[in-house]
All heavy atoms as atom14 arrays in JSON, in Angstrom:
{
  "sequence": "VIASADLVFTSTSSTEPLLNRANLECTLTPNQPLMVFDIAVPRNV",
  "atom14_mask": [
    [1, 1, 1, 1, 1, 1, 1, 0, 0, 0, 0, 0, 0, 0],
    [1, 1, 1, 1, 1, 1, 1, 1, 0, 0, 0, 0, 0, 0],
    [1, 1, 1, 1, 1, 0, 0, 0, 0, 0, 0, 0, 0, 0],
    [1, 1, 1, 1, 1, 1, 0, 0, 0, 0, 0, 0, 0, 0],
    [1, 1, 1, 1, 1, 0, 0, 0, 0, 0, 0, 0, 0, 0],
    [1, 1, 1, 1, 1, 1, 1, 1, 0, 0, 0, 0, 0, 0],
    [1, 1, 1, 1, 1, 1, 1, 1, 0, 0, 0, 0, 0, 0],
    [1, 1, 1, 1, 1, 1, 1, 0, 0, 0, 0, 0, 0, 0],
    [1, 1, 1, 1, 1, 1, 1, 1, 1, 1, 1, 0, 0, 0],
    [1, 1, 1, 1, 1, 1, 1, 0, 0, 0, 0, 0, 0, 0],
    [1, 1, 1, 1, 1, 1, 0, 0, 0, 0, 0, 0, 0, 0],
    [1, 1, 1, 1, 1, 1, 1, 0, 0, 0, 0, 0, 0, 0],
    [1, 1, 1, 1, 1, 1, 0, 0, 0, 0, 0, 0, 0, 0],
    [1, 1, 1, 1, 1, 1, 0, 0, 0, 0, 0, 0, 0, 0],
    [1, 1, 1, 1, 1, 1, 1, 0, 0, 0, 0, 0, 0, 0],
    [1, 1, 1, 1, 1, 1, 1, 1, 1, 0, 0, 0, 0, 0],
    [1, 1, 1, 1, 1, 1, 1, 0, 0, 0, 0, 0, 0, 0],
    [1, 1, 1, 1, 1, 1, 1, 1, 0, 0, 0, 0, 0, 0],
    [1, 1, 1, 1, 1, 1, 1, 1, 0, 0, 0, 0, 0, 0],
    [1, 1, 1, 1, 1, 1, 1, 1, 0, 0, 0, 0, 0, 0],
    [1, 1, 1, 1, 1, 1, 1, 1, 1, 1, 1, 0, 0, 0],
    [1, 1, 1, 1, 1, 0, 0, 0, 0, 0, 0, 0, 0, 0],
    [1, 1, 1, 1, 1, 1, 1, 1, 0, 0, 0, 0, 0, 0],
    [1, 1, 1, 1, 1, 1, 1, 1, 0, 0, 0, 0, 0, 0],
    [1, 1, 1, 1, 1, 1, 1, 1, 1, 0, 0, 0, 0, 0],
    [1, 1, 1, 1, 1, 1, 0, 0, 0, 0, 0, 0, 0, 0],
    [1, 1, 1, 1, 1, 1, 1, 0, 0, 0, 0, 0, 0, 0],
    [1, 1, 1, 1, 1, 1, 1, 1, 0, 0, 0, 0, 0, 0],
    [1, 1, 1, 1, 1, 1, 1, 0, 0, 0, 0, 0, 0, 0],
    [1, 1, 1, 1, 1, 1, 1, 0, 0, 0, 0, 0, 0, 0],
    [1, 1, 1, 1, 1, 1, 1, 1, 0, 0, 0, 0, 0, 0],
    [1, 1, 1, 1, 1, 1, 1, 1, 1, 0, 0, 0, 0, 0],
    [1, 1, 1, 1, 1, 1, 1, 0, 0, 0, 0, 0, 0, 0],
    [1, 1, 1, 1, 1, 1, 1, 1, 0, 0, 0, 0, 0, 0],
    [1, 1, 1, 1, 1, 1, 1, 1, 0, 0, 0, 0, 0, 0],
    [1, 1, 1, 1, 1, 1, 1, 0, 0, 0, 0, 0, 0, 0],
    [1, 1, 1, 1, 1, 1, 1, 1, 1, 1, 1, 0, 0, 0],
    [1, 1, 1, 1, 1, 1, 1, 1, 0, 0, 0, 0, 0, 0],
    [1, 1, 1, 1, 1, 1, 1, 1, 0, 0, 0, 0, 0, 0],
    [1, 1, 1, 1, 1, 0, 0, 0, 0, 0, 0, 0, 0, 0],
    [1, 1, 1, 1, 1, 1, 1, 0, 0, 0, 0, 0, 0, 0],
    [1, 1, 1, 1, 1, 1, 1, 0, 0, 0, 0, 0, 0, 0],
    [1, 1, 1, 1, 1, 1, 1, 1, 1, 1, 1, 0, 0, 0],
    [1, 1, 1, 1, 1, 1, 1, 1, 0, 0, 0, 0, 0, 0],
    [1, 1, 1, 1, 1, 1, 1, 0, 0, 0, 0, 0, 0, 0]
  ],
  "atom14_positions": [
    [[46.1, 17.38, 38.09], [45.88, 18.76, 37.93], [44.34, 19.01, 38.17], [43.99, 20.03, 38.75], [46.35, 19.16, 36.46], [45.77, 20.6, 36.19], [47.81, 19.13, 36.26], [0.0, 0.0, 0.0], [0.0, 0.0, 0.0], [0.0, 0.0, 0.0], [0.0, 0.0, 0.0], [0.0, 0.0, 0.0], [0.0, 0.0, 0.0], [0.0, 0.0, 0.0]],
    [[43.57, 18.13, 37.49], [42.11, 18.29, 37.71], [41.68, 18.21, 39.22], [40.77, 18.95, 39.7], [41.42, 17.23, 36.83], [41.51, 17.59, 35.4], [39.94, 17.12, 37.29], [40.91, 16.5, 34.49], [0.0, 0.0, 0.0], [0.0, 0.0, 0.0], [0.0, 0.0, 0.0], [0.0, 0.0, 0.0], [0.0, 0.0, 0.0], [0.0, 0.0, 0.0]],
    [[42.38, 17.41, 39.91], [42.06, 17.26, 41.36], [42.32, 18.53, 42.08], [41.74, 18.77, 43.17], [42.93, 16.16, 41.99], [0.0, 0.0, 0.0], [0.0, 0.0, 0.0], [0.0, 0.0, 0.0], [0.0, 0.0, 0.0], [0.0, 0.0, 0.0], [0.0, 0.0, 0.0], [0.0, 0.0, 0.0], [0.0, 0.0, 0.0], [0.0, 0.0, 0.0]],
    [[43.08, 19.38, 41.54], [43.24, 20.77, 42.27], [42.53, 21.84, 41.55], [42.83, 23.01, 41.98], [44.74, 21.02, 42.15], [45.57, 20.07, 42.78], [0.0, 0.0, 0.0], [0.0, 0.0, 0.0], [0.0, 0.0, 0.0], [0.0, 0.0, 0.0], [0.0, 0.0, 0.0], [0.0, 0.0, 0.0], [0.0, 0.0, 0.0], [0.0, 0.0, 0.0]],
    [[41.65, 21.6, 40.65], [40.91, 22.62, 39.91], [39.51, 22.74, 40.38], [38.88, 21.77, 40.87], [41.03, 22.34, 38.45], [0.0, 0.0, 0.0], [0.0, 0.0, 0.0], [0.0, 0.0, 0.0], [0.0, 0.0, 0.0], [0.0, 0.0, 0.0], [0.0, 0.0, 0.0], [0.0, 0.0, 0.0], [0.0, 0.0, 0.0], [0.0, 0.0, 0.0]],
    [[38.93, 23.87, 40.09], [37.49, 24.15, 40.25], [36.71, 24.0, 38.92], [35.62, 23.58, 38.89], [37.22, 25.58, 40.81], [37.99, 25.82, 42.12], [37.84, 24.98, 43.16], [38.82, 26.8, 42.27], [0.0, 0.0, 0.0], [0.0, 0.0, 0.0], [0.0, 0.0, 0.0], [0.0, 0.0, 0.0], [0.0, 0.0, 0.0], [0.0, 0.0, 0.0]],
    [[37.45, 24.47, 37.87], [36.84, 24.42, 36.59], [37.83, 23.7, 35.67], [39.01, 24.01, 35.69], [36.54, 25.81, 36.0], [35.66, 26.76, 36.84], [35.55, 28.16, 36.11], [34.28, 26.29, 37.07], [0.0, 0.0, 0.0], [0.0, 0.0, 0.0], [0.0, 0.0, 0.0], [0.0, 0.0, 0.0], [0.0, 0.0, 0.0], [0.0, 0.0, 0.0]],
    [[37.19, 22.94, 34.73], [38.07, 22.37, 33.7], [37.46, 22.64, 32.31], [36.31, 22.43, 32.16], [38.03, 20.78, 33.87], [38.93, 20.11, 32.73], [38.82, 20.48, 35.26], [0.0, 0.0, 0.0], [0.0, 0.0, 0.0], [0.0, 0.0, 0.0], [0.0, 0.0, 0.0], [0.0, 0.0, 0.0], [0.0, 0.0, 0.0], [0.0, 0.0, 0.0]],
    [[38.23, 23.09, 31.38], [37.89, 23.24, 29.93], [38.68, 22.28, 29.13], [39.9, 22.05, 29.41], [38.16, 24.61, 29.41], [37.4, 25.7, 30.15], [37.88, 26.38, 31.32], [36.17, 26.25, 29.61], [37.1, 27.38, 31.95], [35.52, 27.22, 30.21], [35.95, 27.87, 31.38], [0.0, 0.0, 0.0], [0.0, 0.0, 0.0], [0.0, 0.0, 0.0]],
    [[37.92, 21.53, 28.23], [38.57, 20.57, 27.39], [38.36, 20.92, 26.0], [37.27, 21.34, 25.57], [38.0, 19.1, 27.59], [36.65, 19.12, 27.38], [38.3, 18.68, 29.08], [0.0, 0.0, 0.0], [0.0, 0.0, 0.0], [0.0, 0.0, 0.0], [0.0, 0.0, 0.0], [0.0, 0.0, 0.0], [0.0, 0.0, 0.0], [0.0, 0.0, 0.0]],
    [[39.52, 20.92, 25.21], [39.37, 21.25, 23.8], [40.54, 20.58, 23.0], [41.3, 21.17, 22.26], [39.56, 22.76, 23.67], [40.81, 23.2, 23.98], [0.0, 0.0, 0.0], [0.0, 0.0, 0.0], [0.0, 0.0, 0.0], [0.0, 0.0, 0.0], [0.0, 0.0, 0.0], [0.0, 0.0, 0.0], [0.0, 0.0, 0.0], [0.0, 0.0, 0.0]],
    [[40.5, 19.26, 23.02], [41.52, 18.42, 22.29], [40.94, 17.86, 21.1], [39.76, 17.74, 20.88], [42.13, 17.37, 23.13], [41.34, 16.13, 23.14], [42.39, 17.83, 24.59], [0.0, 0.0, 0.0], [0.0, 0.0, 0.0], [0.0, 0.0, 0.0], [0.0, 0.0, 0.0], [0.0, 0.0, 0.0], [0.0, 0.0, 0.0], [0.0, 0.0, 0.0]],
    [[41.77, 17.27, 20.23], [41.34, 16.58, 19.03], [41.14, 15.01, 19.18], [40.96, 14.35, 18.21], [42.25, 16.78, 17.9], [43.58, 16.42, 18.17], [0.0, 0.0, 0.0], [0.0, 0.0, 0.0], [0.0, 0.0, 0.0], [0.0, 0.0, 0.0], [0.0, 0.0, 0.0], [0.0, 0.0, 0.0], [0.0, 0.0, 0.0], [0.0, 0.0, 0.0]],
    [[41.19, 14.71, 20.47], [41.05, 13.16, 20.74], [39.74, 12.7, 20.24], [38.65, 13.39, 20.37], [41.2, 12.95, 22.21], [40.94, 11.71, 22.58], [0.0, 0.0, 0.0], [0.0, 0.0, 0.0], [0.0, 0.0, 0.0], [0.0, 0.0, 0.0], [0.0, 0.0, 0.0], [0.0, 0.0, 0.0], [0.0, 0.0, 0.0], [0.0, 0.0, 0.0]],
    [[39.7, 11.53, 19.75], [38.55, 10.94, 19.15], [37.81, 10.13, 20.26], [36.72, 9.49, 20.05], [38.73, 10.04, 17.95], [39.73, 9.04, 18.23], [39.34, 10.8, 16.81], [0.0, 0.0, 0.0], [0.0, 0.0, 0.0], [0.0, 0.0, 0.0], [0.0, 0.0, 0.0], [0.0, 0.0, 0.0], [0.0, 0.0, 0.0], [0.0, 0.0, 0.0]],
    [[38.42, 9.96, 21.38], [37.85, 9.16, 22.54], [37.85, 10.07, 23.68], [38.64, 10.87, 23.93], [38.69, 7.96, 22.82], [38.86, 6.87, 21.66], [37.54, 6.28, 21.44], [36.65, 6.14, 22.36], [37.27, 5.86, 20.25], [0.0, 0.0, 0.0], [0.0, 0.0, 0.0], [0.0, 0.0, 0.0], [0.0, 0.0, 0.0], [0.0, 0.0, 0.0]],
    [[36.74, 9.95, 24.55], [36.69, 10.63, 25.88], [38.01, 10.63, 26.68], [38.48, 9.49, 26.86], [35.54, 10.13, 26.51], [34.66, 9.46, 25.5], [35.69, 8.98, 24.51], [0.0, 0.0, 0.0], [0.0, 0.0, 0.0], [0.0, 0.0, 0.0], [0.0, 0.0, 0.0], [0.0, 0.0, 0.0], [0.0, 0.0, 0.0], [0.0, 0.0, 0.0]],
    [[38.43, 11.77, 27.25], [39.69, 11.71, 28.13], [39.16, 11.65, 29.55], [39.79, 11.12, 30.46], [40.43, 13.01, 27.87], [41.08, 13.16, 26.61], [41.68, 14.6, 26.46], [42.01, 12.12, 26.19], [0.0, 0.0, 0.0], [0.0, 0.0, 0.0], [0.0, 0.0, 0.0], [0.0, 0.0, 0.0], [0.0, 0.0, 0.0], [0.0, 0.0, 0.0]],
    [[37.97, 12.14, 29.85], [37.46, 12.15, 31.2], [35.98, 11.45, 31.21], [35.23, 11.45, 30.25], [37.01, 13.59, 31.67], [38.33, 14.57, 31.83], [37.73, 15.89, 32.35], [39.32, 13.96, 32.84], [0.0, 0.0, 0.0], [0.0, 0.0, 0.0], [0.0, 0.0, 0.0], [0.0, 0.0, 0.0], [0.0, 0.0, 0.0], [0.0, 0.0, 0.0]],
    [[35.93, 10.48, 32.2], [34.69, 9.78, 32.4], [34.45, 9.64, 33.88], [35.14, 10.07, 34.71], [34.75, 8.35, 31.7], [36.01, 7.73, 32.12], [36.32, 7.58, 33.29], [36.76, 7.07, 31.06], [0.0, 0.0, 0.0], [0.0, 0.0, 0.0], [0.0, 0.0, 0.0], [0.0, 0.0, 0.0], [0.0, 0.0, 0.0], [0.0, 0.0, 0.0]],
    [[33.29, 8.86, 34.12], [32.96, 8.8, 35.5], [33.94, 8.04, 36.31], [34.25, 8.41, 37.46], [31.59, 7.99, 35.6], [31.14, 7.68, 37.04], [29.9, 6.99, 37.13], [29.58, 6.65, 38.55], [28.34, 6.39, 39.0], [27.34, 6.37, 38.3], [28.32, 6.03, 40.36], [0.0, 0.0, 0.0], [0.0, 0.0, 0.0], [0.0, 0.0, 0.0]],
    [[34.49, 6.92, 35.75], [35.46, 6.18, 36.53], [36.67, 6.95, 36.92], [37.1, 6.85, 38.09], [35.93, 4.96, 35.58], [0.0, 0.0, 0.0], [0.0, 0.0, 0.0], [0.0, 0.0, 0.0], [0.0, 0.0, 0.0], [0.0, 0.0, 0.0], [0.0, 0.0, 0.0], [0.0, 0.0, 0.0], [0.0, 0.0, 0.0], [0.0, 0.0, 0.0]],
    [[37.33, 7.71, 35.95], [38.62, 8.35, 36.33], [38.3, 9.54, 37.31], [39.2, 9.99, 38.13], [39.49, 8.66, 35.18], [38.82, 9.57, 34.13], [37.88, 10.17, 34.43], [39.53, 9.56, 32.93], [0.0, 0.0, 0.0], [0.0, 0.0, 0.0], [0.0, 0.0, 0.0], [0.0, 0.0, 0.0], [0.0, 0.0, 0.0], [0.0, 0.0, 0.0]],
    [[37.17, 10.23, 37.1], [36.84, 11.26, 38.06], [36.53, 10.85, 39.35], [36.75, 11.54, 40.36], [35.77, 12.22, 37.39], [36.13, 13.1, 36.21], [34.9, 13.78, 35.69], [37.16, 14.08, 36.7], [0.0, 0.0, 0.0], [0.0, 0.0, 0.0], [0.0, 0.0, 0.0], [0.0, 0.0, 0.0], [0.0, 0.0, 0.0], [0.0, 0.0, 0.0]],
    [[35.73, 9.77, 39.46], [35.39, 9.19, 40.74], [36.59, 8.89, 41.51], [36.57, 8.96, 42.77], [34.52, 7.98, 40.54], [33.58, 7.62, 41.71], [32.53, 6.63, 41.46], [32.71, 5.89, 40.41], [31.49, 6.67, 42.15], [0.0, 0.0, 0.0], [0.0, 0.0, 0.0], [0.0, 0.0, 0.0], [0.0, 0.0, 0.0], [0.0, 0.0, 0.0]],
    [[37.61, 8.43, 40.87], [38.87, 8.03, 41.56], [39.66, 9.23, 41.95], [40.49, 9.19, 42.87], [39.78, 7.06, 40.7], [38.99, 5.47, 40.37], [0.0, 0.0, 0.0], [0.0, 0.0, 0.0], [0.0, 0.0, 0.0], [0.0, 0.0, 0.0], [0.0, 0.0, 0.0], [0.0, 0.0, 0.0], [0.0, 0.0, 0.0], [0.0, 0.0, 0.0]],
    [[39.38, 10.35, 41.35], [40.21, 11.5, 41.49], [39.71, 12.51, 42.52], [40.25, 13.06, 43.35], [40.35, 12.31, 40.16], [40.94, 11.45, 39.24], [41.16, 13.49, 40.36], [0.0, 0.0, 0.0], [0.0, 0.0, 0.0], [0.0, 0.0, 0.0], [0.0, 0.0, 0.0], [0.0, 0.0, 0.0], [0.0, 0.0, 0.0], [0.0, 0.0, 0.0]],
    [[38.38, 12.69, 42.49], [37.55, 13.66, 43.33], [37.19, 13.05, 44.62], [36.75, 11.88, 44.75], [36.4, 14.14, 42.69], [36.67, 14.87, 41.27], [35.39, 15.26, 40.53], [37.56, 16.03, 41.44], [0.0, 0.0, 0.0], [0.0, 0.0, 0.0], [0.0, 0.0, 0.0], [0.0, 0.0, 0.0], [0.0, 0.0, 0.0], [0.0, 0.0, 0.0]],
    [[37.2, 13.72, 45.74], [36.52, 13.36, 47.02], [35.05, 13.47, 46.81], [34.53, 14.16, 45.98], [37.04, 14.17, 48.12], [36.59, 15.54, 47.85], [38.58, 14.18, 48.18], [0.0, 0.0, 0.0], [0.0, 0.0, 0.0], [0.0, 0.0, 0.0], [0.0, 0.0, 0.0], [0.0, 0.0, 0.0], [0.0, 0.0, 0.0], [0.0, 0.0, 0.0]],
    [[34.32, 12.69, 47.73], [32.77, 12.71, 47.48], [32.13, 14.17, 47.44], [31.16, 14.27, 46.82], [32.29, 11.88, 48.6], [33.56, 10.98, 48.95], [34.73, 11.81, 48.72], [0.0, 0.0, 0.0], [0.0, 0.0, 0.0], [0.0, 0.0, 0.0], [0.0, 0.0, 0.0], [0.0, 0.0, 0.0], [0.0, 0.0, 0.0], [0.0, 0.0, 0.0]],
    [[32.73, 15.03, 48.13], [32.17, 16.31, 48.31], [32.9, 17.45, 47.58], [32.69, 18.59, 47.84], [32.07, 16.75, 49.87], [31.18, 15.79, 50.61], [30.12, 15.36, 50.16], [31.58, 15.4, 51.81], [0.0, 0.0, 0.0], [0.0, 0.0, 0.0], [0.0, 0.0, 0.0], [0.0, 0.0, 0.0], [0.0, 0.0, 0.0], [0.0, 0.0, 0.0]],
    [[33.8, 16.98, 46.68], [34.54, 18.02, 46.0], [33.83, 18.36, 44.65], [33.81, 17.59, 43.75], [35.89, 17.39, 45.62], [36.89, 18.39, 44.86], [38.23, 17.68, 44.55], [38.46, 16.67, 44.92], [39.0, 18.52, 43.75], [0.0, 0.0, 0.0], [0.0, 0.0, 0.0], [0.0, 0.0, 0.0], [0.0, 0.0, 0.0], [0.0, 0.0, 0.0]],
    [[33.35, 19.66, 44.56], [32.64, 20.08, 43.34], [33.49, 20.4, 42.24], [34.71, 20.79, 42.34], [31.85, 21.33, 43.82], [32.8, 21.87, 44.98], [33.41, 20.72, 45.53], [0.0, 0.0, 0.0], [0.0, 0.0, 0.0], [0.0, 0.0, 0.0], [0.0, 0.0, 0.0], [0.0, 0.0, 0.0], [0.0, 0.0, 0.0], [0.0, 0.0, 0.0]],
    [[33.03, 20.1, 40.96], [33.83, 20.3, 39.75], [32.92, 20.67, 38.68], [31.88, 20.04, 38.38], [34.69, 19.07, 39.43], [35.66, 19.26, 38.16], [36.71, 20.26, 38.45], [36.13, 17.91, 37.74], [0.0, 0.0, 0.0], [0.0, 0.0, 0.0], [0.0, 0.0, 0.0], [0.0, 0.0, 0.0], [0.0, 0.0, 0.0], [0.0, 0.0, 0.0]],
    [[33.24, 21.72, 37.92], [32.59, 22.09, 36.64], [33.45, 21.74, 35.44], [34.63, 22.15, 35.5], [32.14, 23.55, 36.65], [30.95, 23.87, 37.48], [30.28, 25.52, 37.21], [29.08, 25.71, 38.54], [0.0, 0.0, 0.0], [0.0, 0.0, 0.0], [0.0, 0.0, 0.0], [0.0, 0.0, 0.0], [0.0, 0.0, 0.0], [0.0, 0.0, 0.0]],
    [[32.8, 21.06, 34.46], [33.62, 20.79, 33.28], [32.87, 21.34, 32.03], [31.64, 21.17, 31.9], [33.71, 19.16, 33.16], [34.5, 18.88, 31.91], [34.34, 18.59, 34.42], [0.0, 0.0, 0.0], [0.0, 0.0, 0.0], [0.0, 0.0, 0.0], [0.0, 0.0, 0.0], [0.0, 0.0, 0.0], [0.0, 0.0, 0.0], [0.0, 0.0, 0.0]],
    [[33.63, 22.13, 31.2], [33.07, 22.61, 29.97], [33.87, 22.03, 28.8], [35.01, 22.33, 28.61], [33.33, 24.2, 30.07], [32.58, 24.86, 31.19], [33.25, 24.91, 32.47], [31.38, 25.38, 31.03], [32.58, 25.46, 33.54], [30.77, 25.9, 32.21], [31.28, 26.08, 33.4], [0.0, 0.0, 0.0], [0.0, 0.0, 0.0], [0.0, 0.0, 0.0]],
    [[33.24, 21.2, 28.14], [33.79, 20.4, 26.99], [33.35, 21.17, 25.7], [32.1, 20.97, 25.32], [33.32, 18.96, 27.1], [33.9, 18.1, 25.97], [34.8, 18.64, 25.25], [33.37, 17.04, 25.77], [0.0, 0.0, 0.0], [0.0, 0.0, 0.0], [0.0, 0.0, 0.0], [0.0, 0.0, 0.0], [0.0, 0.0, 0.0], [0.0, 0.0, 0.0]],
    [[34.35, 21.71, 24.96], [33.96, 22.4, 23.72], [34.57, 21.67, 22.5], [34.75, 22.36, 21.47], [34.38, 23.88, 23.74], [35.87, 24.09, 23.98], [33.64, 24.63, 24.72], [36.41, 25.56, 24.0], [0.0, 0.0, 0.0], [0.0, 0.0, 0.0], [0.0, 0.0, 0.0], [0.0, 0.0, 0.0], [0.0, 0.0, 0.0], [0.0, 0.0, 0.0]],
    [[34.91, 20.45, 22.73], [35.37, 19.66, 21.55], [34.49, 18.76, 20.95], [33.53, 18.37, 21.6], [36.61, 18.72, 22.21], [0.0, 0.0, 0.0], [0.0, 0.0, 0.0], [0.0, 0.0, 0.0], [0.0, 0.0, 0.0], [0.0, 0.0, 0.0], [0.0, 0.0, 0.0], [0.0, 0.0, 0.0], [0.0, 0.0, 0.0], [0.0, 0.0, 0.0]],
    [[34.55, 18.46, 19.75], [33.75, 17.49, 18.94], [34.73, 16.76, 17.97], [35.26, 17.3, 17.28], [32.68, 18.21, 18.14], [31.81, 17.12, 17.33], [31.76, 19.02, 18.93], [0.0, 0.0, 0.0], [0.0, 0.0, 0.0], [0.0, 0.0, 0.0], [0.0, 0.0, 0.0], [0.0, 0.0, 0.0], [0.0, 0.0, 0.0], [0.0, 0.0, 0.0]],
    [[34.77, 15.38, 18.24], [34.06, 14.57, 19.24], [34.36, 14.94, 20.62], [35.38, 15.71, 21.02], [34.63, 13.21, 19.1], [35.17, 13.19, 17.65], [35.71, 14.56, 17.51], [0.0, 0.0, 0.0], [0.0, 0.0, 0.0], [0.0, 0.0, 0.0], [0.0, 0.0, 0.0], [0.0, 0.0, 0.0], [0.0, 0.0, 0.0], [0.0, 0.0, 0.0]],
    [[33.45, 14.71, 21.56], [33.56, 15.16, 22.92], [34.73, 14.55, 23.69], [35.1, 13.38, 23.47], [32.3, 14.8, 23.73], [31.02, 15.6, 23.38], [29.78, 15.19, 23.91], [29.4, 13.93, 23.5], [28.31, 13.28, 23.92], [27.59, 13.83, 24.85], [28.01, 12.01, 23.37], [0.0, 0.0, 0.0], [0.0, 0.0, 0.0], [0.0, 0.0, 0.0]],
    [[35.33, 15.4, 24.59], [36.45, 14.91, 25.44], [35.98, 14.38, 26.69], [36.71, 13.67, 27.42], [37.44, 15.97, 25.66], [38.24, 16.53, 24.46], [38.72, 17.67, 24.43], [38.24, 15.64, 23.41], [0.0, 0.0, 0.0], [0.0, 0.0, 0.0], [0.0, 0.0, 0.0], [0.0, 0.0, 0.0], [0.0, 0.0, 0.0], [0.0, 0.0, 0.0]],
    [[34.74, 14.57, 27.0], [34.16, 14.28, 28.31], [33.02, 13.31, 28.06], [32.02, 13.64, 27.41], [33.68, 15.44, 29.13], [33.18, 15.05, 30.41], [34.87, 16.47, 29.34], [0.0, 0.0, 0.0], [0.0, 0.0, 0.0], [0.0, 0.0, 0.0], [0.0, 0.0, 0.0], [0.0, 0.0, 0.0], [0.0, 0.0, 0.0], [0.0, 0.0, 0.0]]
  ]
}
């Protein structure tokens, strides 16, 4: 789903990050821009 998005908002109760460099690097093409807005604490990103 994120691979097809321009913007991502995260707001889960997870205590561990859901998004990181490794899984985004595998998902996005080198020139594919993405904005992520993380409003969770602990952070989801």
